[in-house]
């Protein structure tokens, strides 16, 4: 790993994936796709703020990502809290590298986990073979609808679609603070009904 110091920027995103037939492919797909979504959510949030500051002719938030590191490694780190047969529970702690962050950037990213839950809930209904059974948000998303449709929608849909394509049924639960999303994933046999 690298020697960068990180600061946790949000309450953890708790992810629970359960299935009668859970395998490493599902776990890998879930981890990879959630990682990409959180990274994109962070970048979109900072880019939106820079656009607002530019209109006001104010100094932009500078977030320099060192060339030797990938954006994924810098913006989002994840910690697995527990594993048990038929289920995986992960707490994802969104963190930012202190070497390039500014206080304003950190405060902008405080709702990163909740915004990711909102994006997945907003677009999961577009994937056949899944059912959103519960969706609770503590507040409106801070992400603009136009940005979410153009940049986050395809990525949020991909999280669920790829998980559904590798799953043999199951249930995905996402929680952060007051925000919660529960999605039922049907196996090929159930989705044909």
N, C-alpha and C. Protein backbone atom coordinates (compact mmCIF):
# COMPACT_ATOMS: atom_id res chain seq x y z
N UNK A 1 0.84 -1.19 0.00
CA UNK A 1 0.00 0.00 0.00
C UNK A 1 0.88 1.25 0.00
N UNK A 2 0.29 2.38 -0.14
CA UNK A 2 1.05 3.63 -0.17
C UNK A 2 1.20 4.21 1.24
N UNK A 3 1.98 5.26 1.36
CA UNK A 3 2.24 5.88 2.65
C UNK A 3 1.36 7.09 2.92
N UNK A 4 0.34 7.30 2.12
CA UNK A 4 -0.52 8.46 2.30
C UNK A 4 -1.35 8.33 3.57
N UNK A 5 -1.62 9.46 4.20
CA UNK A 5 -2.51 9.52 5.36
C UNK A 5 -3.90 9.87 4.84
N UNK A 6 -4.91 9.26 5.42
CA UNK A 6 -6.29 9.48 4.99
C UNK A 6 -7.15 9.99 6.13
N UNK A 7 -8.21 10.70 5.77
CA UNK A 7 -9.18 11.18 6.74
C UNK A 7 -10.54 10.65 6.32
N UNK A 8 -11.25 10.05 7.27
CA UNK A 8 -12.60 9.58 6.98
C UNK A 8 -13.50 10.79 6.77
N UNK A 9 -14.29 10.77 5.69
CA UNK A 9 -15.08 11.95 5.34
C UNK A 9 -16.57 11.76 5.49
N UNK A 10 -17.01 10.60 5.90
CA UNK A 10 -18.44 10.34 5.91
C UNK A 10 -18.72 9.20 6.88
N UNK A 11 -19.99 9.05 7.25
CA UNK A 11 -20.35 7.86 8.03
C UNK A 11 -20.24 6.66 7.10
N UNK A 12 -19.88 5.50 7.65
CA UNK A 12 -19.67 4.33 6.78
C UNK A 12 -20.92 3.95 5.99
N UNK A 13 -20.69 3.38 4.83
CA UNK A 13 -21.74 2.80 4.01
C UNK A 13 -21.74 1.31 4.32
N UNK A 14 -22.80 0.83 4.98
CA UNK A 14 -22.91 -0.58 5.31
C UNK A 14 -23.59 -1.31 4.18
N UNK A 15 -22.95 -2.36 3.71
CA UNK A 15 -23.45 -3.15 2.59
C UNK A 15 -23.63 -4.58 3.08
N UNK A 16 -24.82 -5.14 2.85
CA UNK A 16 -25.08 -6.53 3.19
C UNK A 16 -25.65 -7.20 1.95
N UNK A 17 -24.94 -8.20 1.47
CA UNK A 17 -25.39 -9.00 0.33
C UNK A 17 -25.61 -10.41 0.84
N UNK A 18 -26.84 -10.92 0.71
CA UNK A 18 -27.13 -12.28 1.15
C UNK A 18 -27.76 -13.05 0.00
N UNK A 19 -27.42 -14.34 -0.05
CA UNK A 19 -27.91 -15.22 -1.11
C UNK A 19 -27.73 -16.65 -0.66
N UNK A 20 -28.59 -17.54 -1.16
CA UNK A 20 -28.42 -18.97 -0.89
C UNK A 20 -27.24 -19.52 -1.66
N UNK A 21 -26.79 -18.80 -2.68
CA UNK A 21 -25.72 -19.28 -3.55
C UNK A 21 -24.70 -18.16 -3.77
N UNK A 22 -24.15 -17.62 -2.67
CA UNK A 22 -23.20 -16.51 -2.74
C UNK A 22 -21.82 -17.04 -3.11
N UNK A 23 -21.18 -16.40 -4.09
CA UNK A 23 -19.84 -16.82 -4.47
C UNK A 23 -18.92 -15.62 -4.62
N UNK A 24 -17.63 -15.89 -4.86
CA UNK A 24 -16.62 -14.84 -4.93
C UNK A 24 -16.85 -13.89 -6.10
N UNK A 25 -17.44 -14.35 -7.19
CA UNK A 25 -17.72 -13.48 -8.32
C UNK A 25 -18.68 -12.37 -7.92
N UNK A 26 -19.74 -12.72 -7.19
CA UNK A 26 -20.70 -11.71 -6.73
C UNK A 26 -20.03 -10.70 -5.80
N UNK A 27 -19.19 -11.19 -4.91
CA UNK A 27 -18.50 -10.30 -3.97
C UNK A 27 -17.56 -9.37 -4.73
N UNK A 28 -16.83 -9.93 -5.71
CA UNK A 28 -15.92 -9.11 -6.50
C UNK A 28 -16.64 -8.05 -7.31
N UNK A 29 -17.75 -8.44 -7.95
CA UNK A 29 -18.54 -7.50 -8.75
C UNK A 29 -19.09 -6.39 -7.85
N UNK A 30 -19.65 -6.77 -6.70
CA UNK A 30 -20.21 -5.77 -5.78
C UNK A 30 -19.13 -4.79 -5.33
N UNK A 31 -17.99 -5.30 -4.89
CA UNK A 31 -16.91 -4.43 -4.42
C UNK A 31 -16.39 -3.51 -5.50
N UNK A 32 -16.16 -4.06 -6.68
CA UNK A 32 -15.63 -3.27 -7.79
C UNK A 32 -16.60 -2.18 -8.23
N UNK A 33 -17.86 -2.53 -8.39
CA UNK A 33 -18.84 -1.56 -8.87
C UNK A 33 -19.14 -0.48 -7.83
N UNK A 34 -19.23 -0.84 -6.55
CA UNK A 34 -19.46 0.16 -5.50
C UNK A 34 -18.27 1.11 -5.41
N UNK A 35 -17.08 0.56 -5.56
CA UNK A 35 -15.86 1.38 -5.53
C UNK A 35 -15.90 2.43 -6.65
N UNK A 36 -16.24 2.00 -7.86
CA UNK A 36 -16.32 2.91 -9.00
C UNK A 36 -17.40 3.97 -8.79
N UNK A 37 -18.55 3.57 -8.26
CA UNK A 37 -19.64 4.52 -8.04
C UNK A 37 -19.25 5.58 -7.01
N UNK A 38 -18.65 5.17 -5.90
CA UNK A 38 -18.25 6.15 -4.88
C UNK A 38 -17.19 7.11 -5.41
N UNK A 39 -16.24 6.58 -6.18
CA UNK A 39 -15.22 7.44 -6.78
C UNK A 39 -15.86 8.47 -7.71
N UNK A 40 -16.76 8.01 -8.56
CA UNK A 40 -17.42 8.92 -9.50
C UNK A 40 -18.28 9.95 -8.76
N UNK A 41 -18.96 9.51 -7.70
CA UNK A 41 -19.78 10.42 -6.91
C UNK A 41 -18.90 11.52 -6.31
N UNK A 42 -17.73 11.16 -5.80
CA UNK A 42 -16.81 12.15 -5.22
C UNK A 42 -16.33 13.13 -6.29
N UNK A 43 -15.93 12.62 -7.43
CA UNK A 43 -15.45 13.49 -8.51
C UNK A 43 -16.54 14.43 -9.02
N UNK A 44 -17.75 13.91 -9.20
CA UNK A 44 -18.86 14.75 -9.66
C UNK A 44 -19.16 15.84 -8.66
N UNK A 45 -19.15 15.50 -7.38
CA UNK A 45 -19.43 16.49 -6.33
C UNK A 45 -18.40 17.63 -6.36
N UNK A 46 -17.12 17.28 -6.47
CA UNK A 46 -16.07 18.30 -6.50
C UNK A 46 -16.12 19.12 -7.80
N UNK A 47 -16.41 18.46 -8.92
CA UNK A 47 -16.51 19.17 -10.20
C UNK A 47 -17.69 20.14 -10.20
N UNK A 48 -18.82 19.73 -9.62
CA UNK A 48 -19.98 20.63 -9.53
C UNK A 48 -19.65 21.87 -8.70
N UNK A 49 -18.97 21.66 -7.59
CA UNK A 49 -18.60 22.80 -6.75
C UNK A 49 -17.63 23.72 -7.48
N UNK A 50 -16.66 23.16 -8.21
CA UNK A 50 -15.74 23.99 -8.99
C UNK A 50 -16.48 24.81 -10.03
N UNK A 51 -17.48 24.22 -10.68
CA UNK A 51 -18.28 24.95 -11.67
C UNK A 51 -19.02 26.11 -11.02
N UNK A 52 -19.57 25.88 -9.83
CA UNK A 52 -20.26 26.96 -9.09
C UNK A 52 -19.30 28.06 -8.69
N UNK A 53 -18.12 27.69 -8.20
CA UNK A 53 -17.13 28.68 -7.79
C UNK A 53 -16.61 29.48 -8.98
N UNK A 54 -16.46 28.82 -10.12
CA UNK A 54 -15.98 29.50 -11.33
C UNK A 54 -16.99 30.56 -11.78
N UNK A 55 -18.27 30.25 -11.71
CA UNK A 55 -19.32 31.22 -12.07
C UNK A 55 -19.27 32.44 -11.16
N UNK A 56 -18.92 32.22 -9.90
CA UNK A 56 -18.84 33.31 -8.94
C UNK A 56 -17.47 33.98 -8.94
N UNK A 57 -16.60 33.53 -9.84
CA UNK A 57 -15.23 34.04 -9.95
C UNK A 57 -14.47 33.91 -8.63
N UNK A 58 -14.68 32.77 -7.95
CA UNK A 58 -13.97 32.48 -6.71
C UNK A 58 -12.91 31.42 -6.98
N UNK A 59 -11.98 31.29 -6.04
CA UNK A 59 -10.91 30.30 -6.17
C UNK A 59 -11.50 28.88 -6.16
N UNK A 60 -11.04 28.06 -7.08
CA UNK A 60 -11.55 26.70 -7.20
C UNK A 60 -10.96 25.80 -6.13
N UNK A 61 -11.69 24.75 -5.82
CA UNK A 61 -11.16 23.73 -4.92
C UNK A 61 -10.10 22.97 -5.70
N UNK A 62 -8.93 22.92 -5.16
CA UNK A 62 -7.86 22.19 -5.83
C UNK A 62 -7.78 20.80 -5.25
N UNK A 63 -7.88 19.83 -6.08
CA UNK A 63 -7.67 18.47 -5.62
C UNK A 63 -6.73 17.78 -6.60
N UNK A 64 -5.47 17.76 -6.20
CA UNK A 64 -4.43 17.18 -7.05
C UNK A 64 -4.27 15.71 -6.69
N UNK A 65 -4.35 14.86 -7.68
CA UNK A 65 -4.15 13.44 -7.47
C UNK A 65 -2.76 13.09 -7.97
N UNK A 66 -1.88 12.63 -7.09
CA UNK A 66 -0.52 12.32 -7.51
C UNK A 66 -0.49 11.35 -8.69
N UNK A 67 0.39 11.55 -9.63
CA UNK A 67 0.46 10.74 -10.84
C UNK A 67 0.78 9.27 -10.58
N UNK A 68 1.41 8.98 -9.46
CA UNK A 68 1.80 7.60 -9.18
C UNK A 68 0.66 6.76 -8.62
N UNK A 69 -0.46 7.39 -8.31
CA UNK A 69 -1.59 6.69 -7.71
C UNK A 69 -2.80 6.72 -8.63
N UNK A 70 -3.64 5.70 -8.54
CA UNK A 70 -4.90 5.71 -9.27
C UNK A 70 -5.93 6.47 -8.49
N UNK A 71 -6.90 7.05 -9.16
CA UNK A 71 -7.94 7.81 -8.47
C UNK A 71 -8.70 6.94 -7.48
N UNK A 72 -8.89 5.67 -7.82
CA UNK A 72 -9.62 4.79 -6.91
C UNK A 72 -8.90 4.66 -5.57
N UNK A 73 -7.58 4.54 -5.62
CA UNK A 73 -6.81 4.37 -4.39
C UNK A 73 -6.85 5.63 -3.54
N UNK A 74 -6.95 6.78 -4.17
CA UNK A 74 -6.89 8.03 -3.44
C UNK A 74 -8.24 8.42 -2.83
N UNK A 75 -9.31 8.25 -3.58
CA UNK A 75 -10.60 8.78 -3.13
C UNK A 75 -11.40 7.85 -2.23
N UNK A 76 -11.33 6.56 -2.44
CA UNK A 76 -12.19 5.66 -1.67
C UNK A 76 -11.38 4.47 -1.18
N UNK A 77 -11.51 4.17 0.10
CA UNK A 77 -10.93 2.98 0.69
C UNK A 77 -12.05 2.23 1.38
N UNK A 78 -11.95 0.92 1.43
CA UNK A 78 -13.03 0.11 2.00
C UNK A 78 -12.49 -0.85 3.04
N UNK A 79 -13.30 -1.11 4.05
CA UNK A 79 -12.94 -2.06 5.09
C UNK A 79 -14.05 -3.11 5.19
N UNK A 80 -13.67 -4.38 5.11
CA UNK A 80 -14.65 -5.46 5.25
C UNK A 80 -14.80 -5.76 6.74
N UNK A 81 -16.04 -5.71 7.24
CA UNK A 81 -16.25 -5.91 8.67
C UNK A 81 -16.50 -7.36 9.04
N UNK A 82 -17.20 -8.12 8.19
CA UNK A 82 -17.43 -9.53 8.53
C UNK A 82 -17.88 -10.32 7.32
N UNK A 83 -17.65 -11.61 7.39
CA UNK A 83 -18.11 -12.55 6.37
C UNK A 83 -18.72 -13.74 7.09
N UNK A 84 -19.79 -14.29 6.54
CA UNK A 84 -20.33 -15.54 7.06
C UNK A 84 -21.00 -16.27 5.91
N UNK A 85 -21.24 -17.52 6.09
CA UNK A 85 -21.80 -18.34 5.01
C UNK A 85 -23.12 -17.75 4.51
N UNK A 86 -23.21 -17.57 3.20
CA UNK A 86 -24.45 -17.08 2.60
C UNK A 86 -24.63 -15.57 2.66
N UNK A 87 -23.66 -14.85 3.25
CA UNK A 87 -23.83 -13.40 3.39
C UNK A 87 -22.47 -12.73 3.48
N UNK A 88 -22.41 -11.51 3.00
CA UNK A 88 -21.22 -10.69 3.19
C UNK A 88 -21.69 -9.34 3.72
N UNK A 89 -21.03 -8.88 4.74
CA UNK A 89 -21.32 -7.57 5.31
C UNK A 89 -20.05 -6.74 5.21
N UNK A 90 -20.18 -5.58 4.58
CA UNK A 90 -19.03 -4.71 4.38
C UNK A 90 -19.38 -3.32 4.89
N UNK A 91 -18.48 -2.72 5.63
CA UNK A 91 -18.59 -1.30 5.95
C UNK A 91 -17.57 -0.60 5.09
N UNK A 92 -18.04 0.31 4.25
CA UNK A 92 -17.15 1.06 3.38
C UNK A 92 -16.97 2.45 3.97
N UNK A 93 -15.74 2.74 4.35
CA UNK A 93 -15.43 4.06 4.90
C UNK A 93 -14.83 4.90 3.78
N UNK A 94 -15.55 5.91 3.35
CA UNK A 94 -15.04 6.82 2.32
C UNK A 94 -13.98 7.71 2.96
N UNK A 95 -12.81 7.75 2.34
CA UNK A 95 -11.69 8.50 2.90
C UNK A 95 -11.01 9.30 1.81
N UNK A 96 -10.42 10.43 2.19
CA UNK A 96 -9.71 11.27 1.23
C UNK A 96 -8.27 11.43 1.71
N UNK A 97 -7.34 11.39 0.77
CA UNK A 97 -5.92 11.52 1.12
C UNK A 97 -5.62 12.96 1.54
N UNK A 98 -5.02 13.12 2.68
CA UNK A 98 -4.74 14.45 3.22
C UNK A 98 -3.69 15.21 2.42
N UNK A 99 -2.90 14.52 1.62
CA UNK A 99 -1.85 15.18 0.87
C UNK A 99 -2.39 16.18 -0.15
N UNK A 100 -3.62 15.98 -0.62
CA UNK A 100 -4.14 16.91 -1.62
C UNK A 100 -5.50 17.50 -1.26
N UNK A 101 -6.07 17.13 -0.15
CA UNK A 101 -7.42 17.60 0.18
C UNK A 101 -7.38 18.96 0.86
N UNK A 102 -8.49 19.63 0.76
CA UNK A 102 -8.69 20.90 1.46
C UNK A 102 -9.91 20.74 2.35
N UNK A 103 -10.00 21.54 3.39
CA UNK A 103 -11.13 21.44 4.31
C UNK A 103 -12.46 21.55 3.57
N UNK A 104 -12.54 22.46 2.62
CA UNK A 104 -13.79 22.64 1.87
C UNK A 104 -14.15 21.39 1.08
N UNK A 105 -13.16 20.71 0.52
CA UNK A 105 -13.41 19.48 -0.23
C UNK A 105 -13.96 18.41 0.70
N UNK A 106 -13.39 18.31 1.89
CA UNK A 106 -13.85 17.32 2.86
C UNK A 106 -15.29 17.59 3.26
N UNK A 107 -15.64 18.83 3.52
CA UNK A 107 -17.02 19.13 3.92
C UNK A 107 -18.01 18.87 2.79
N UNK A 108 -17.60 19.05 1.54
CA UNK A 108 -18.48 18.78 0.40
C UNK A 108 -18.80 17.29 0.26
N UNK A 109 -17.89 16.45 0.72
CA UNK A 109 -18.06 15.01 0.54
C UNK A 109 -18.70 14.32 1.74
N UNK A 110 -19.21 15.09 2.70
CA UNK A 110 -19.77 14.51 3.91
C UNK A 110 -20.95 13.56 3.66
N UNK A 111 -21.70 13.76 2.59
CA UNK A 111 -22.85 12.90 2.32
C UNK A 111 -22.60 11.93 1.16
N UNK A 112 -21.35 11.56 0.95
CA UNK A 112 -21.00 10.69 -0.16
C UNK A 112 -21.75 9.36 -0.10
N UNK A 113 -21.77 8.70 1.05
CA UNK A 113 -22.44 7.40 1.17
C UNK A 113 -23.95 7.53 0.94
N UNK A 114 -24.56 8.54 1.53
CA UNK A 114 -26.00 8.75 1.35
C UNK A 114 -26.33 9.06 -0.10
N UNK A 115 -25.49 9.84 -0.76
CA UNK A 115 -25.71 10.14 -2.18
C UNK A 115 -25.58 8.89 -3.05
N UNK A 116 -24.66 7.99 -2.69
CA UNK A 116 -24.52 6.73 -3.43
C UNK A 116 -25.78 5.88 -3.26
N UNK A 117 -26.31 5.82 -2.05
CA UNK A 117 -27.56 5.08 -1.82
C UNK A 117 -28.68 5.68 -2.64
N UNK A 118 -28.77 7.02 -2.65
CA UNK A 118 -29.81 7.69 -3.44
C UNK A 118 -29.67 7.33 -4.92
N UNK A 119 -28.45 7.37 -5.46
CA UNK A 119 -28.25 7.10 -6.89
C UNK A 119 -28.64 5.66 -7.24
N UNK A 120 -28.23 4.70 -6.41
CA UNK A 120 -28.59 3.31 -6.69
C UNK A 120 -30.09 3.12 -6.61
N UNK A 121 -30.73 3.69 -5.59
CA UNK A 121 -32.18 3.57 -5.45
C UNK A 121 -32.93 4.23 -6.59
N UNK A 122 -32.41 5.35 -7.06
CA UNK A 122 -33.04 6.09 -8.16
C UNK A 122 -33.05 5.28 -9.46
N UNK A 123 -31.99 4.51 -9.69
CA UNK A 123 -31.83 3.84 -10.98
C UNK A 123 -32.00 2.32 -10.93
N UNK A 124 -32.10 1.71 -9.76
CA UNK A 124 -32.24 0.26 -9.65
C UNK A 124 -33.53 -0.23 -10.31
N UNK A 125 -34.56 0.58 -10.28
CA UNK A 125 -35.85 0.17 -10.85
C UNK A 125 -35.77 -0.02 -12.36
N UNK A 126 -34.73 0.47 -12.99
CA UNK A 126 -34.57 0.33 -14.44
C UNK A 126 -33.96 -1.03 -14.83
N UNK A 127 -33.54 -1.81 -13.84
CA UNK A 127 -32.93 -3.11 -14.10
C UNK A 127 -34.00 -4.19 -13.93
N UNK A 128 -34.21 -5.00 -14.98
CA UNK A 128 -35.18 -6.08 -14.88
C UNK A 128 -34.62 -7.19 -13.99
N UNK A 129 -35.50 -7.83 -13.25
CA UNK A 129 -35.09 -8.92 -12.37
C UNK A 129 -34.72 -8.47 -10.97
N UNK A 130 -34.96 -7.20 -10.66
CA UNK A 130 -34.73 -6.72 -9.29
C UNK A 130 -35.97 -5.95 -8.84
N UNK A 131 -36.14 -5.88 -7.53
CA UNK A 131 -37.26 -5.16 -6.95
C UNK A 131 -36.77 -4.33 -5.77
N UNK A 132 -37.03 -3.04 -5.80
CA UNK A 132 -36.68 -2.19 -4.66
C UNK A 132 -37.79 -2.37 -3.64
N UNK A 133 -37.46 -3.00 -2.49
CA UNK A 133 -38.50 -3.25 -1.49
C UNK A 133 -38.59 -2.16 -0.44
N UNK A 134 -37.52 -1.47 -0.19
CA UNK A 134 -37.55 -0.40 0.80
C UNK A 134 -36.53 0.66 0.41
N UNK A 135 -36.98 1.89 0.48
CA UNK A 135 -36.09 3.01 0.14
C UNK A 135 -36.42 4.16 1.07
N UNK A 136 -35.46 4.51 1.90
CA UNK A 136 -35.67 5.58 2.87
C UNK A 136 -34.47 6.52 2.80
N UNK A 137 -34.74 7.79 2.60
CA UNK A 137 -33.66 8.77 2.61
C UNK A 137 -33.99 9.85 3.62
N UNK A 138 -32.96 10.27 4.33
CA UNK A 138 -33.14 11.28 5.36
C UNK A 138 -33.29 12.69 4.81
N UNK A 139 -32.93 12.88 3.53
CA UNK A 139 -33.01 14.21 2.90
C UNK A 139 -32.86 14.03 1.40
N UNK A 140 -33.04 15.10 0.69
CA UNK A 140 -32.86 15.05 -0.76
C UNK A 140 -31.38 14.95 -1.10
N UNK A 141 -31.08 14.31 -2.20
CA UNK A 141 -29.70 14.21 -2.65
C UNK A 141 -29.18 15.59 -3.01
N UNK A 142 -27.88 15.78 -2.78
CA UNK A 142 -27.25 17.04 -3.15
C UNK A 142 -26.74 17.02 -4.58
N UNK A 143 -26.95 15.89 -5.26
CA UNK A 143 -26.47 15.74 -6.63
C UNK A 143 -27.54 16.24 -7.58
N UNK A 144 -27.12 17.08 -8.53
CA UNK A 144 -28.07 17.62 -9.50
C UNK A 144 -28.65 16.50 -10.35
N UNK A 145 -29.94 16.61 -10.67
CA UNK A 145 -30.61 15.59 -11.48
C UNK A 145 -29.95 15.44 -12.85
N UNK A 146 -29.53 16.55 -13.47
CA UNK A 146 -28.93 16.46 -14.81
C UNK A 146 -27.62 15.67 -14.76
N UNK A 147 -26.82 15.92 -13.74
CA UNK A 147 -25.56 15.20 -13.60
C UNK A 147 -25.83 13.74 -13.30
N UNK A 148 -26.82 13.46 -12.46
CA UNK A 148 -27.09 12.07 -12.11
C UNK A 148 -27.57 11.29 -13.33
N UNK A 149 -28.40 11.90 -14.14
CA UNK A 149 -28.89 11.20 -15.34
C UNK A 149 -27.75 10.93 -16.32
N UNK A 150 -26.89 11.89 -16.49
CA UNK A 150 -25.84 11.79 -17.50
C UNK A 150 -24.66 10.94 -17.05
N UNK A 151 -24.20 11.11 -15.80
CA UNK A 151 -22.96 10.47 -15.38
C UNK A 151 -23.15 9.40 -14.32
N UNK A 152 -24.06 9.60 -13.40
CA UNK A 152 -24.21 8.64 -12.31
C UNK A 152 -25.24 7.57 -12.62
N UNK A 153 -26.26 7.90 -13.39
CA UNK A 153 -27.31 6.94 -13.72
C UNK A 153 -26.77 5.66 -14.33
N UNK A 154 -25.97 5.77 -15.40
CA UNK A 154 -25.42 4.54 -16.00
C UNK A 154 -24.56 3.74 -15.03
N UNK A 155 -23.80 4.43 -14.18
CA UNK A 155 -22.94 3.73 -13.25
C UNK A 155 -23.75 3.06 -12.14
N UNK A 156 -24.76 3.76 -11.61
CA UNK A 156 -25.62 3.18 -10.57
C UNK A 156 -26.39 1.98 -11.12
N UNK A 157 -26.87 2.09 -12.35
CA UNK A 157 -27.57 0.98 -12.99
C UNK A 157 -26.63 -0.20 -13.17
N UNK A 158 -25.38 0.08 -13.53
CA UNK A 158 -24.40 -0.98 -13.77
C UNK A 158 -24.10 -1.75 -12.48
N UNK A 159 -24.07 -1.07 -11.34
CA UNK A 159 -23.84 -1.75 -10.06
C UNK A 159 -24.86 -2.87 -9.90
N UNK A 160 -26.13 -2.53 -10.08
CA UNK A 160 -27.21 -3.50 -9.86
C UNK A 160 -27.27 -4.53 -10.98
N UNK A 161 -27.11 -4.08 -12.22
CA UNK A 161 -27.19 -5.01 -13.36
C UNK A 161 -26.10 -6.07 -13.29
N UNK A 162 -24.87 -5.67 -13.03
CA UNK A 162 -23.78 -6.64 -12.97
C UNK A 162 -23.93 -7.57 -11.77
N UNK A 163 -24.42 -7.05 -10.66
CA UNK A 163 -24.66 -7.90 -9.50
C UNK A 163 -25.77 -8.90 -9.81
N UNK A 164 -26.84 -8.45 -10.44
CA UNK A 164 -27.95 -9.32 -10.81
C UNK A 164 -27.49 -10.39 -11.80
N UNK A 165 -26.66 -10.02 -12.76
CA UNK A 165 -26.20 -10.96 -13.77
C UNK A 165 -25.31 -12.05 -13.20
N UNK A 166 -24.64 -11.79 -12.08
CA UNK A 166 -23.76 -12.79 -11.46
C UNK A 166 -24.44 -13.51 -10.31
N UNK A 167 -25.59 -13.01 -9.86
CA UNK A 167 -26.27 -13.57 -8.69
C UNK A 167 -27.26 -14.66 -9.08
N UNK A 168 -27.49 -15.54 -8.16
CA UNK A 168 -28.54 -16.54 -8.29
C UNK A 168 -29.65 -16.19 -7.31
N UNK A 169 -30.05 -14.94 -7.35
CA UNK A 169 -31.03 -14.44 -6.40
C UNK A 169 -30.33 -13.90 -5.17
N UNK A 170 -31.06 -13.16 -4.38
CA UNK A 170 -30.50 -12.65 -3.14
C UNK A 170 -31.08 -11.31 -2.75
N UNK A 171 -30.43 -10.69 -1.80
CA UNK A 171 -30.92 -9.42 -1.25
C UNK A 171 -29.71 -8.52 -0.98
N UNK A 172 -29.82 -7.27 -1.39
CA UNK A 172 -28.78 -6.27 -1.16
C UNK A 172 -29.36 -5.19 -0.26
N UNK A 173 -28.69 -4.94 0.84
CA UNK A 173 -29.10 -3.88 1.77
C UNK A 173 -27.96 -2.87 1.89
N UNK A 174 -28.30 -1.59 1.72
CA UNK A 174 -27.33 -0.50 1.86
C UNK A 174 -27.84 0.45 2.94
N UNK A 175 -26.96 0.83 3.86
CA UNK A 175 -27.35 1.76 4.93
C UNK A 175 -26.23 2.73 5.23
N UNK A 176 -26.61 3.96 5.51
CA UNK A 176 -25.68 4.97 6.00
C UNK A 176 -26.49 6.01 6.75
N UNK A 177 -26.27 6.11 8.06
CA UNK A 177 -27.07 7.05 8.87
C UNK A 177 -28.54 6.71 8.75
N UNK A 178 -29.35 7.69 8.37
CA UNK A 178 -30.80 7.48 8.22
C UNK A 178 -31.19 6.95 6.86
N UNK A 179 -30.24 6.86 5.94
CA UNK A 179 -30.53 6.41 4.58
C UNK A 179 -30.44 4.90 4.47
N UNK A 180 -31.40 4.32 3.74
CA UNK A 180 -31.46 2.87 3.63
C UNK A 180 -32.06 2.47 2.29
N UNK A 181 -31.55 1.38 1.74
CA UNK A 181 -32.08 0.85 0.49
C UNK A 181 -32.01 -0.67 0.57
N UNK A 182 -33.11 -1.34 0.26
CA UNK A 182 -33.15 -2.80 0.22
C UNK A 182 -33.65 -3.22 -1.15
N UNK A 183 -32.86 -4.05 -1.81
CA UNK A 183 -33.18 -4.52 -3.15
C UNK A 183 -33.19 -6.03 -3.16
N UNK A 184 -34.26 -6.60 -3.73
CA UNK A 184 -34.36 -8.04 -3.90
C UNK A 184 -33.92 -8.37 -5.33
N UNK A 185 -33.04 -9.34 -5.44
CA UNK A 185 -32.51 -9.74 -6.74
C UNK A 185 -33.05 -11.14 -7.04
N UNK A 186 -33.74 -11.27 -8.17
CA UNK A 186 -34.34 -12.55 -8.52
C UNK A 186 -33.37 -13.38 -9.35
N UNK A 187 -33.44 -14.69 -9.15
CA UNK A 187 -32.67 -15.59 -10.02
C UNK A 187 -33.38 -15.66 -11.37
N UNK A 188 -32.74 -16.23 -12.36
CA UNK A 188 -33.32 -16.34 -13.70
C UNK A 188 -34.71 -16.94 -13.71
N UNK A 189 -34.95 -17.97 -12.88
CA UNK A 189 -36.26 -18.64 -12.83
C UNK A 189 -37.33 -17.71 -12.29
N UNK A 190 -37.04 -16.98 -11.20
CA UNK A 190 -38.05 -16.12 -10.60
C UNK A 190 -38.37 -14.90 -11.46
N UNK A 191 -37.37 -14.37 -12.18
CA UNK A 191 -37.62 -13.16 -12.97
C UNK A 191 -38.43 -13.44 -14.21
N UNK A 192 -38.59 -14.73 -14.58
CA UNK A 192 -39.38 -15.07 -15.77
C UNK A 192 -40.87 -15.15 -15.46
N UNK A 193 -41.26 -15.15 -14.21
CA UNK A 193 -42.67 -15.24 -13.82
C UNK A 193 -43.47 -14.06 -14.28
